Amino acid sequence: MIVVATTDFELYHEAVAELRSRGVTFTTIEPGDPLPEQARVLITGQDDDVERDAAVSRVTATGDEARRAVDEALATLRGGGGRTVVGVDPGTRPGIAILSGTTVVAAFHVPLANAVDVIRRETRDAVDPVVRIGDGARLQGAKLINELDDIPVELVDETGTTPYLGSGARGMGDVLAAVNIARMKGERIESREIEPTEGELQRIKSRSREVSDDNRAIDDELARRVAGGELSIDEALDEHRTRQT
């Protein structure tokens, strides 16, 4: 069982809310009170004076670290080891899965432009994190690898990582693939340079014509910038219009 014992009101409020939102069995006590017999993990503030028990793991945090503390407590409770591993199924809207040990503690499905910020936020306070990125969407994956220059990154063979999706599971494939990618060791990589093929550029140009209101297709130079993640198609269309005015 997880026990919350702190005089820090913000930590207490945030940790209890996080535990309730996840349906976790827990209890709360005052610092200094005897620990319940079922206690296995204790969440406290750094200055809280709590009973020491070698059989009970202690996680310390501040109020704004409550989610991280709950993640760590759950990983400890489930024997996952606690290392933060981020799995990414790259694409225009990457699936991102955050694992603490073997436990999935968070998942995201965000535009490519937001993915690096999400990964950095989720690994900010982690000890020895690693990001594992699938090798399928070459251009989008290369953009993430090159921007994550301050976090260890592994490139993973993502063959077979996307599961069959039954009825009602539409939209979950990228996130579930990210979970599988997170659980596979990859090859450490510092950067990746990918030159878009003519076919990839043509698909981007065709897509720009489809989404524009004036049947406009961007040129090769703008398509390359879209392929490299520098521009969205809408931004490229705006720049193309500006050039022609």
C-alpha atoms as a PDB file:
ATOM      1  CA  MET A   1       0.000   0.000   0.000  1.00  0.00           C
ATOM      2  CA  ILE A   2       1.073   3.603  -0.664  1.00  0.00           C
ATOM      3  CA  VAL A   3       0.976   5.967   2.322  1.00  0.00           C
ATOM      4  CA  VAL A   4       0.987   9.760   2.068  1.00  0.00           C
ATOM      5  CA  ALA A   5       2.449  11.465   5.153  1.00  0.00           C
ATOM      6  CA  THR A   6       3.269  15.159   4.866  1.00  0.00           C
ATOM      7  CA  THR A   7       2.580  18.559   6.362  1.00  0.00           C
ATOM      8  CA  ASP A   8       3.076  20.120   2.910  1.00  0.00           C
ATOM      9  CA  PHE A   9      -0.512  20.946   1.951  1.00  0.00           C
ATOM     10  CA  GLU A  10       0.236  21.300  -1.762  1.00  0.00           C
ATOM     11  CA  LEU A  11       2.036  17.959  -1.919  1.00  0.00           C
ATOM     12  CA  TYR A  12      -0.749  16.288   0.082  1.00  0.00           C
ATOM     13  CA  HIS A  13      -3.495  17.708  -2.154  1.00  0.00           C
ATOM     14  CA  GLU A  14      -1.730  16.947  -5.452  1.00  0.00           C
ATOM     15  CA  ALA A  15      -0.551  13.450  -4.473  1.00  0.00           C
ATOM     16  CA  VAL A  16      -3.968  12.421  -3.161  1.00  0.00           C
ATOM     17  CA  ALA A  17      -5.671  13.751  -6.297  1.00  0.00           C
ATOM     18  CA  GLU A  18      -3.188  11.906  -8.533  1.00  0.00           C
ATOM     19  CA  LEU A  19      -3.605   8.631  -6.642  1.00  0.00           C
ATOM     20  CA  ARG A  20      -7.404   8.896  -6.746  1.00  0.00           C
ATOM     21  CA  SER A  21      -7.386   9.651 -10.485  1.00  0.00           C
ATOM     22  CA  ARG A  22      -5.480   6.404 -11.076  1.00  0.00           C
ATOM     23  CA  GLY A  23      -7.669   4.274  -8.848  1.00  0.00           C
ATOM     24  CA  VAL A  24      -4.777   3.407  -6.525  1.00  0.00           C
ATOM     25  CA  THR A  25      -5.383   2.043  -3.034  1.00  0.00           C
ATOM     26  CA  PHE A  26      -3.660   4.322  -0.508  1.00  0.00           C
ATOM     27  CA  THR A  27      -4.033   5.888   2.905  1.00  0.00           C
ATOM     28  CA  THR A  28      -2.869   9.071   4.628  1.00  0.00           C
ATOM     29  CA  ILE A  29      -1.350   9.607   8.061  1.00  0.00           C
ATOM     30  CA  GLU A  30       0.222  12.463   9.982  1.00  0.00           C
ATOM     31  CA  PRO A  31       4.038  12.538   9.934  1.00  0.00           C
ATOM     32  CA  GLY A  32       5.276  10.762  13.048  1.00  0.00           C
ATOM     33  CA  ASP A  33       2.243   8.461  13.335  1.00  0.00           C
ATOM     34  CA  PRO A  34       2.908   4.708  13.218  1.00  0.00           C
ATOM     35  CA  LEU A  35       3.007   3.287   9.727  1.00  0.00           C
ATOM     36  CA  PRO A  36       0.157   0.934   8.789  1.00  0.00           C
ATOM     37  CA  GLU A  37       1.129  -2.717   8.687  1.00  0.00           C
ATOM     38  CA  GLN A  38       0.384  -2.868   4.937  1.00  0.00           C
ATOM     39  CA  ALA A  39       2.620   0.121   4.115  1.00  0.00           C
ATOM     40  CA  ARG A  40       5.132  -0.523   1.323  1.00  0.00           C
ATOM     41  CA  VAL A  41       5.850   2.952  -0.085  1.00  0.00           C
ATOM     42  CA  LEU A  42       5.752   6.304   1.707  1.00  0.00           C
ATOM     43  CA  ILE A  43       5.271   9.659  -0.051  1.00  0.00           C
ATOM     44  CA  THR A  44       6.513  12.579   2.039  1.00  0.00           C
ATOM     45  CA  GLY A  45       7.985  16.044   1.807  1.00  0.00           C
ATOM     46  CA  GLN A  46      11.732  16.463   2.211  1.00  0.00           C
ATOM     47  CA  ASP A  47      11.359  18.041   5.666  1.00  0.00           C
ATOM     48  CA  ASP A  48       8.735  15.668   7.053  1.00  0.00           C
ATOM     49  CA  ASP A  49       9.834  13.681  10.106  1.00  0.00           C
ATOM     50  CA  VAL A  50       8.400  10.211   9.541  1.00  0.00           C
ATOM     51  CA  GLU A  51       8.844   6.801  11.096  1.00  0.00           C
ATOM     52  CA  ARG A  52      11.698   4.825   9.541  1.00  0.00           C
ATOM     53  CA  ASP A  53      11.126   1.258   8.424  1.00  0.00           C
ATOM     54  CA  ALA A  54      13.618  -0.680   6.307  1.00  0.00           C
ATOM     55  CA  ALA A  55      10.765  -2.551   4.620  1.00  0.00           C
ATOM     56  CA  VAL A  56       9.075   0.668   3.473  1.00  0.00           C
ATOM     57  CA  SER A  57      10.491   2.691   0.564  1.00  0.00           C
ATOM     58  CA  ARG A  58      10.336   6.470   0.874  1.00  0.00           C
ATOM     59  CA  VAL A  59       9.676   8.892  -1.988  1.00  0.00           C
ATOM     60  CA  THR A  60      10.232  12.584  -1.229  1.00  0.00           C
ATOM     61  CA  ALA A  61       8.819  15.393  -3.321  1.00  0.00           C
ATOM     62  CA  THR A  62       7.441  18.915  -3.415  1.00  0.00           C
ATOM     63  CA  GLY A  63       3.944  19.856  -4.494  1.00  0.00           C
ATOM     64  CA  ASP A  64       4.874  20.399  -8.123  1.00  0.00           C
ATOM     65  CA  GLU A  65       6.582  16.992  -8.199  1.00  0.00           C
ATOM     66  CA  ALA A  66       3.527  15.050  -7.027  1.00  0.00           C
ATOM     67  CA  ARG A  67       2.950  13.210 -10.294  1.00  0.00           C
ATOM     68  CA  ARG A  68       6.591  12.167 -10.468  1.00  0.00           C
ATOM     69  CA  ALA A  69       6.369  10.965  -6.864  1.00  0.00           C
ATOM     70  CA  VAL A  70       3.287   8.872  -7.595  1.00  0.00           C
ATOM     71  CA  ASP A  71       4.972   7.410 -10.695  1.00  0.00           C
ATOM     72  CA  GLU A  72       7.997   6.427  -8.606  1.00  0.00           C
ATOM     73  CA  ALA A  73       5.853   5.023  -5.803  1.00  0.00           C
ATOM     74  CA  LEU A  74       3.855   2.871  -8.216  1.00  0.00           C
ATOM     75  CA  ALA A  75       6.998   1.603  -9.955  1.00  0.00           C
ATOM     76  CA  THR A  76       8.487   0.686  -6.571  1.00  0.00           C
ATOM     77  CA  LEU A  77       5.270  -1.001  -5.467  1.00  0.00           C
ATOM     78  CA  ARG A  78       5.163  -3.076  -8.654  1.00  0.00           C
ATOM     79  CA  GLY A  79       8.853  -3.909  -8.648  1.00  0.00           C
ATOM     80  CA  GLY A  80       9.574  -2.152 -11.933  1.00  0.00           C
ATOM     81  CA  GLY A  81      12.987  -0.750 -11.061  1.00  0.00           C
ATOM     82  CA  GLY A  82      11.889   2.817 -11.599  1.00  0.00           C
ATOM     83  CA  ARG A  83      14.006   3.896 -14.605  1.00  0.00           C
ATOM     84  CA  THR A  84      12.149   6.346 -16.851  1.00  0.00           C
ATOM     85  CA  VAL A  85      11.917   5.070 -20.422  1.00  0.00           C
ATOM     86  CA  VAL A  86      10.156   7.069 -23.141  1.00  0.00           C
ATOM     87  CA  GLY A  87       8.913   5.213 -26.197  1.00  0.00           C
ATOM     88  CA  VAL A  88       8.091   7.192 -29.331  1.00  0.00           C
ATOM     89  CA  ASP A  89       6.263   6.004 -32.427  1.00  0.00           C
ATOM     90  CA  PRO A  90       7.262   8.854 -34.771  1.00  0.00           C
ATOM     91  CA  GLY A  91       5.011  10.481 -37.337  1.00  0.00           C
ATOM     92  CA  THR A  92       3.168  13.736 -37.895  1.00  0.00           C
ATOM     93  CA  ARG A  93       1.404  13.036 -34.558  1.00  0.00           C
ATOM     94  CA  PRO A  94       3.800  10.801 -32.606  1.00  0.00           C
ATOM     95  CA  GLY A  95       2.570   8.393 -30.007  1.00  0.00           C
ATOM     96  CA  ILE A  96       4.559   8.846 -26.791  1.00  0.00           C
ATOM     97  CA  ALA A  97       4.557   6.440 -23.836  1.00  0.00           C
ATOM     98  CA  ILE A  98       6.269   7.118 -20.498  1.00  0.00           C
ATOM     99  CA  LEU A  99       7.300   4.045 -18.532  1.00  0.00           C
ATOM    100  CA  SER A 100       8.655   3.908 -15.015  1.00  0.00           C
ATOM    101  CA  GLY A 101      10.316   0.525 -14.901  1.00  0.00           C
ATOM    102  CA  THR A 102       7.764  -1.719 -16.622  1.00  0.00           C
ATOM    103  CA  THR A 103       4.759   0.400 -15.661  1.00  0.00           C
ATOM    104  CA  VAL A 104       3.153   2.777 -18.151  1.00  0.00           C
ATOM    105  CA  VAL A 105       2.614   5.990 -16.191  1.00  0.00           C
ATOM    106  CA  ALA A 106       1.617   8.425 -18.952  1.00  0.00           C
ATOM    107  CA  ALA A 107       0.799   8.503 -22.650  1.00  0.00           C
ATOM    108  CA  PHE A 108       0.460  11.260 -25.235  1.00  0.00           C
ATOM    109  CA  HIS A 109      -0.569  11.692 -28.876  1.00  0.00           C
ATOM    110  CA  VAL A 110       0.579  15.143 -29.934  1.00  0.00           C
ATOM    111  CA  PRO A 111       1.610  17.100 -33.045  1.00  0.00           C
ATOM    112  CA  LEU A 112       5.240  16.595 -34.026  1.00  0.00           C
ATOM    113  CA  ALA A 113       6.032  20.219 -33.148  1.00  0.00           C
ATOM    114  CA  ASN A 114       5.054  19.563 -29.507  1.00  0.00           C
ATOM    115  CA  ALA A 115       6.721  16.177 -29.053  1.00  0.00           C
ATOM    116  CA  VAL A 116      10.171  17.351 -27.913  1.00  0.00           C
ATOM    117  CA  ASP A 117       8.669  19.647 -25.258  1.00  0.00           C
ATOM    118  CA  VAL A 118       6.554  16.759 -23.935  1.00  0.00           C
ATOM    119  CA  ILE A 119       9.559  14.409 -23.782  1.00  0.00           C
ATOM    120  CA  ARG A 120      11.752  16.989 -22.063  1.00  0.00           C
ATOM    121  CA  ARG A 121       9.048  17.773 -19.504  1.00  0.00           C
ATOM    122  CA  GLU A 122       8.485  14.103 -18.701  1.00  0.00           C
ATOM    123  CA  THR A 123      12.206  13.376 -18.253  1.00  0.00           C
ATOM    124  CA  ARG A 124      13.221  16.606 -16.495  1.00  0.00           C
ATOM    125  CA  ASP A 125      13.517  15.153 -12.979  1.00  0.00           C
ATOM    126  CA  ALA A 126      14.193  11.557 -13.971  1.00  0.00           C
ATOM    127  CA  VAL A 127      17.355   9.702 -13.037  1.00  0.00           C
ATOM    128  CA  ASP A 128      19.107   8.097 -16.028  1.00  0.00           C
ATOM    129  CA  PRO A 129      16.220   8.437 -18.533  1.00  0.00           C
ATOM    130  CA  VAL A 130      16.351   7.028 -22.052  1.00  0.00           C
ATOM    131  CA  VAL A 131      14.242   7.831 -25.119  1.00  0.00           C
ATOM    132  CA  ARG A 132      13.586   4.999 -27.584  1.00  0.00           C
ATOM    133  CA  ILE A 133      12.393   6.118 -31.009  1.00  0.00           C
ATOM    134  CA  GLY A 134      11.056   3.808 -33.704  1.00  0.00           C
ATOM    135  CA  ASP A 135      12.824   3.815 -37.052  1.00  0.00           C
ATOM    136  CA  GLY A 136       9.687   3.759 -39.213  1.00  0.00           C
ATOM    137  CA  ALA A 137       8.877   7.410 -40.001  1.00  0.00           C
ATOM    138  CA  ARG A 138      12.389   8.406 -41.054  1.00  0.00           C
ATOM    139  CA  LEU A 139      11.979  12.149 -41.487  1.00  0.00           C
ATOM    140  CA  GLN A 140       9.948  12.793 -38.336  1.00  0.00           C
ATOM    141  CA  GLY A 141      12.113  10.436 -36.294  1.00  0.00           C
ATOM    142  CA  ALA A 142      15.285  12.203 -37.456  1.00  0.00           C
ATOM    143  CA  LYS A 143      13.841  15.559 -36.373  1.00  0.00           C
ATOM    144  CA  LEU A 144      13.191  14.230 -32.862  1.00  0.00           C
ATOM    145  CA  ILE A 145      16.610  12.585 -32.591  1.00  0.00           C
ATOM    146  CA  ASN A 146      18.418  15.753 -33.655  1.00  0.00           C
ATOM    147  CA  GLU A 147      16.489  17.977 -31.248  1.00  0.00           C
ATOM    148  CA  LEU A 148      16.872  15.664 -28.244  1.00  0.00           C
ATOM    149  CA  ASP A 149      20.586  16.335 -27.949  1.00  0.00           C
ATOM    150  CA  ASP A 150      20.515  16.514 -24.135  1.00  0.00           C
ATOM    151  CA  ILE A 151      18.874  13.109 -23.467  1.00  0.00           C
ATOM    152  CA  PRO A 152      20.182   9.614 -24.323  1.00  0.00           C
ATOM    153  CA  VAL A 153      18.340   8.342 -27.421  1.00  0.00           C
ATOM    154  CA  GLU A 154      18.136   4.841 -28.896  1.00  0.00           C
ATOM    155  CA  LEU A 155      16.869   4.012 -32.383  1.00  0.00           C
ATOM    156  CA  VAL A 156      14.622   0.940 -32.271  1.00  0.00           C
ATOM    157  CA  ASP A 157      13.576  -1.441 -35.044  1.00  0.00           C
ATOM    158  CA  GLU A 158       9.829  -0.928 -34.799  1.00  0.00           C
ATOM    159  CA  THR A 159       8.870  -3.903 -36.958  1.00  0.00           C
ATOM    160  CA  GLY A 160       5.803  -5.541 -35.439  1.00  0.00           C
ATOM    161  CA  THR A 161       5.270  -2.941 -32.719  1.00  0.00           C
ATOM    162  CA  THR A 162       1.868  -1.716 -33.955  1.00  0.00           C
ATOM    163  CA  PRO A 163      -0.788  -4.073 -32.569  1.00  0.00           C
ATOM    164  CA  TYR A 164      -4.046  -5.178 -34.140  1.00  0.00           C
ATOM    165  CA  LEU A 165      -6.775  -2.762 -33.072  1.00  0.00           C
ATOM    166  CA  GLY A 166     -10.184  -4.194 -32.320  1.00  0.00           C
ATOM    167  CA  SER A 167     -13.520  -2.413 -32.419  1.00  0.00           C
ATOM    168  CA  GLY A 168     -13.512   0.869 -30.499  1.00  0.00           C
ATOM    169  CA  ALA A 169      -9.722   1.160 -30.343  1.00  0.00           C
ATOM    170  CA  ARG A 170      -9.252   3.599 -33.241  1.00  0.00           C
ATOM    171  CA  GLY A 171      -6.546   6.177 -32.574  1.00  0.00           C
ATOM    172  CA  MET A 172      -4.744   4.033 -29.993  1.00  0.00           C
ATOM    173  CA  GLY A 173      -2.326   2.346 -32.374  1.00  0.00           C
ATOM    174  CA  ASP A 174       0.447   4.978 -32.205  1.00  0.00           C
ATOM    175  CA  VAL A 175       0.403   5.060 -28.400  1.00  0.00           C
ATOM    176  CA  LEU A 176       0.372   1.267 -28.055  1.00  0.00           C
ATOM    177  CA  ALA A 177       3.227   1.046 -30.559  1.00  0.00           C
ATOM    178  CA  ALA A 178       5.128   3.578 -28.429  1.00  0.00           C
ATOM    179  CA  VAL A 179       4.684   1.322 -25.386  1.00  0.00           C
ATOM    180  CA  ASN A 180       6.124  -1.627 -27.317  1.00  0.00           C
ATOM    181  CA  ILE A 181       9.012   0.508 -28.600  1.00  0.00           C
ATOM    182  CA  ALA A 182       9.810   1.622 -25.038  1.00  0.00           C
ATOM    183  CA  ARG A 183      10.203  -2.018 -24.010  1.00  0.00           C
ATOM    184  CA  MET A 184      12.754  -2.819 -26.744  1.00  0.00           C
ATOM    185  CA  LYS A 185      16.438  -1.998 -26.542  1.00  0.00           C
ATOM    186  CA  GLY A 186      17.784  -0.053 -29.513  1.00  0.00           C
ATOM    187  CA  GLU A 187      21.022   1.322 -30.885  1.00  0.00           C
ATOM    188  CA  ARG A 188      22.371   4.471 -29.214  1.00  0.00           C
ATOM    189  CA  ILE A 189      22.298   7.362 -31.681  1.00  0.00           C
ATOM    190  CA  GLU A 190      23.436  10.988 -31.452  1.00  0.00           C
ATOM    191  CA  SER A 191      21.984  12.376 -34.695  1.00  0.00           C
ATOM    192  CA  ARG A 192      20.347  11.246 -37.913  1.00  0.00           C
ATOM    193  CA  GLU A 193      20.381  13.026 -41.247  1.00  0.00           C
ATOM    194  CA  ILE A 194      17.773  11.899 -43.761  1.00  0.00           C
ATOM    195  CA  GLU A 195      17.367  13.353 -47.246  1.00  0.00           C
ATOM    196  CA  PRO A 196      13.709  13.187 -48.355  1.00  0.00           C
ATOM    197  CA  THR A 197      13.076  11.169 -51.487  1.00  0.00           C
ATOM    198  CA  GLU A 198      11.383  12.595 -54.557  1.00  0.00           C
ATOM    199  CA  GLY A 199       8.334  10.523 -53.719  1.00  0.00           C
ATOM    200  CA  GLU A 200       8.154  11.962 -50.187  1.00  0.00           C
ATOM    201  CA  LEU A 201       8.469  15.508 -51.520  1.00  0.00           C
ATOM    202  CA  GLN A 202       5.731  14.854 -54.081  1.00  0.00           C
ATOM    203  CA  ARG A 203       3.401  13.529 -51.390  1.00  0.00           C
ATOM    204  CA  ILE A 204       3.953  16.687 -49.327  1.00  0.00           C
ATOM    205  CA  LYS A 205       3.287  18.898 -52.339  1.00  0.00           C
ATOM    206  CA  SER A 206       0.135  16.931 -53.171  1.00  0.00           C
ATOM    207  CA  ARG A 207      -1.022  17.195 -49.587  1.00  0.00           C
ATOM    208  CA  SER A 208      -0.500  20.975 -49.653  1.00  0.00           C
ATOM    209  CA  ARG A 209      -2.788  21.193 -52.690  1.00  0.00           C
ATOM    210  CA  GLU A 210      -5.432  19.101 -50.925  1.00  0.00           C
ATOM    211  CA  VAL A 211      -5.535  21.243 -47.777  1.00  0.00           C
ATOM    212  CA  SER A 212      -5.266  24.673 -49.427  1.00  0.00           C
ATOM    213  CA  ASP A 213      -8.358  26.731 -50.209  1.00  0.00           C
ATOM    214  CA  ASP A 214      -6.980  27.853 -53.575  1.00  0.00           C
ATOM    215  CA  ASN A 215      -5.668  24.549 -55.012  1.00  0.00           C
ATOM    216  CA  ARG A 216      -2.108  25.672 -54.284  1.00  0.00           C
ATOM    217  CA  ALA A 217       0.907  23.353 -54.246  1.00  0.00           C
ATOM    218  CA  ILE A 218       4.114  24.419 -52.509  1.00  0.00           C
ATOM    219  CA  ASP A 219       7.483  24.196 -54.280  1.00  0.00           C
ATOM    220  CA  ASP A 220      10.342  21.736 -53.679  1.00  0.00           C
ATOM    221  CA  GLU A 221      12.239  24.033 -51.291  1.00  0.00           C
ATOM    222  CA  LEU A 222       9.246  24.497 -49.011  1.00  0.00           C
ATOM    223  CA  ALA A 223       8.414  20.780 -49.255  1.00  0.00           C
ATOM    224  CA  ARG A 224      11.928  19.967 -48.019  1.00  0.00           C
ATOM    225  CA  ARG A 225      11.432  22.273 -45.032  1.00  0.00           C
ATOM    226  CA  VAL A 226       8.131  20.563 -44.271  1.00  0.00           C
ATOM    227  CA  ALA A 227       9.817  17.163 -44.566  1.00  0.00           C
ATOM    228  CA  GLY A 228      12.494  18.254 -42.107  1.00  0.00           C
ATOM    229  CA  GLY A 229       9.907  19.453 -39.589  1.00  0.00           C
ATOM    230  CA  GLU A 230      10.905  23.104 -39.933  1.00  0.00           C
ATOM    231  CA  LEU A 231       7.453  24.112 -41.209  1.00  0.00           C
ATOM    232  CA  SER A 232       3.958  22.722 -41.070  1.00  0.00           C
ATOM    233  CA  ILE A 233       2.085  22.471 -44.378  1.00  0.00           C
ATOM    234  CA  ASP A 234      -0.103  25.421 -43.372  1.00  0.00           C
ATOM    235  CA  GLU A 235       2.979  27.520 -42.598  1.00  0.00           C
ATOM    236  CA  ALA A 236       4.555  26.517 -45.905  1.00  0.00           C
ATOM    237  CA  LEU A 237       1.384  27.513 -47.757  1.00  0.00           C
ATOM    238  CA  ASP A 238       1.370  30.902 -46.008  1.00  0.00           C
ATOM    239  CA  GLU A 239       5.001  31.478 -47.007  1.00  0.00           C
ATOM    240  CA  HIS A 240       4.267  30.417 -50.574  1.00  0.00           C
ATOM    241  CA  ARG A 241       1.416  32.947 -50.781  1.00  0.00           C
ATOM    242  CA  THR A 242       3.603  35.689 -49.318  1.00  0.00           C
ATOM    243  CA  ARG A 243       6.276  35.100 -51.940  1.00  0.00           C
ATOM    244  CA  GLN A 244       3.762  35.516 -54.732  1.00  0.00           C
ATOM    245  CA  THR A 245       2.231  38.776 -53.517  1.00  0.00           C
END
